[in-house]
Amino acid sequence: MARQKNSEVTGKKAASAAGRVLRDPKSSKSAKSAAASALTQRPNRKK
């Protein structure tokens, strides 16, 4: 069974908040997991 393409995209502000969670050493493991998941749905940066 082929996987469907996920068209959902994380917004800029949400991605920024997720980045802060990942950099915070006090963030819980589950919070970091959710933040990482959100960032995988963010389009790549334009160079």
C-alpha atoms as a PDB file:
ATOM      1  CA  MET A   1       0.000   0.000   0.000  1.00  0.00           C
ATOM      2  CA  ALA A   2       1.488   3.332  -1.045  1.00  0.00           C
ATOM      3  CA  ARG A   3       1.649   6.139   1.478  1.00  0.00           C
ATOM      4  CA  GLN A   4      -0.357   9.229   0.718  1.00  0.00           C
ATOM      5  CA  LYS A   5       1.496  12.502   0.525  1.00  0.00           C
ATOM      6  CA  ASN A   6       0.912  14.640   3.612  1.00  0.00           C
ATOM      7  CA  SER A   7      -0.006  18.119   2.409  1.00  0.00           C
ATOM      8  CA  GLU A   8      -0.094  19.667   5.882  1.00  0.00           C
ATOM      9  CA  VAL A   9       2.612  22.237   6.545  1.00  0.00           C
ATOM     10  CA  THR A  10       3.788  23.653   9.860  1.00  0.00           C
ATOM     11  CA  GLY A  11       3.531  27.449   9.997  1.00  0.00           C
ATOM     12  CA  LYS A  12       6.527  29.731  10.473  1.00  0.00           C
ATOM     13  CA  LYS A  13       5.674  30.693  14.067  1.00  0.00           C
ATOM     14  CA  ALA A  14       4.999  27.087  15.072  1.00  0.00           C
ATOM     15  CA  ALA A  15       8.293  25.991  13.517  1.00  0.00           C
ATOM     16  CA  SER A  16      10.123  28.718  15.411  1.00  0.00           C
ATOM     17  CA  ALA A  17       8.539  27.579  18.682  1.00  0.00           C
ATOM     18  CA  ALA A  18       9.456  23.977  17.875  1.00  0.00           C
ATOM     19  CA  GLY A  19      13.069  25.018  17.344  1.00  0.00           C
ATOM     20  CA  ARG A  20      13.124  26.680  20.753  1.00  0.00           C
ATOM     21  CA  VAL A  21      11.751  23.506  22.366  1.00  0.00           C
ATOM     22  CA  LEU A  22      14.465  21.409  20.726  1.00  0.00           C
ATOM     23  CA  ARG A  23      17.216  23.761  21.929  1.00  0.00           C
ATOM     24  CA  ASP A  24      15.880  23.896  25.512  1.00  0.00           C
ATOM     25  CA  PRO A  25      17.680  21.301  27.669  1.00  0.00           C
ATOM     26  CA  LYS A  26      14.749  21.335  30.118  1.00  0.00           C
ATOM     27  CA  SER A  27      12.190  20.246  27.494  1.00  0.00           C
ATOM     28  CA  SER A  28      10.674  16.810  28.036  1.00  0.00           C
ATOM     29  CA  LYS A  29      11.334  13.942  25.676  1.00  0.00           C
ATOM     30  CA  SER A  30       7.718  13.968  24.475  1.00  0.00           C
ATOM     31  CA  ALA A  31       7.844  17.732  23.833  1.00  0.00           C
ATOM     32  CA  LYS A  32      11.008  17.314  21.775  1.00  0.00           C
ATOM     33  CA  SER A  33       9.423  14.464  19.845  1.00  0.00           C
ATOM     34  CA  ALA A  34       6.383  16.590  18.997  1.00  0.00           C
ATOM     35  CA  ALA A  35       8.602  19.531  18.028  1.00  0.00           C
ATOM     36  CA  ALA A  36      10.706  17.343  15.748  1.00  0.00           C
ATOM     37  CA  SER A  37       7.562  15.989  14.129  1.00  0.00           C
ATOM     38  CA  ALA A  38       6.340  19.526  13.466  1.00  0.00           C
ATOM     39  CA  LEU A  39       9.654  20.494  11.879  1.00  0.00           C
ATOM     40  CA  THR A  40       9.573  17.525   9.507  1.00  0.00           C
ATOM     41  CA  GLN A  41       6.371  19.017   8.084  1.00  0.00           C
ATOM     42  CA  ARG A  42       8.053  22.377   7.454  1.00  0.00           C
ATOM     43  CA  PRO A  43       9.161  23.074   3.859  1.00  0.00           C
ATOM     44  CA  ASN A  44      12.909  23.314   3.289  1.00  0.00           C
ATOM     45  CA  ARG A  45      14.530  26.738   3.547  1.00  0.00           C
ATOM     46  CA  LYS A  46      15.288  28.530   0.315  1.00  0.00           C
ATOM     47  CA  LYS A  47      19.013  29.115  -0.119  1.00  0.00           C
END
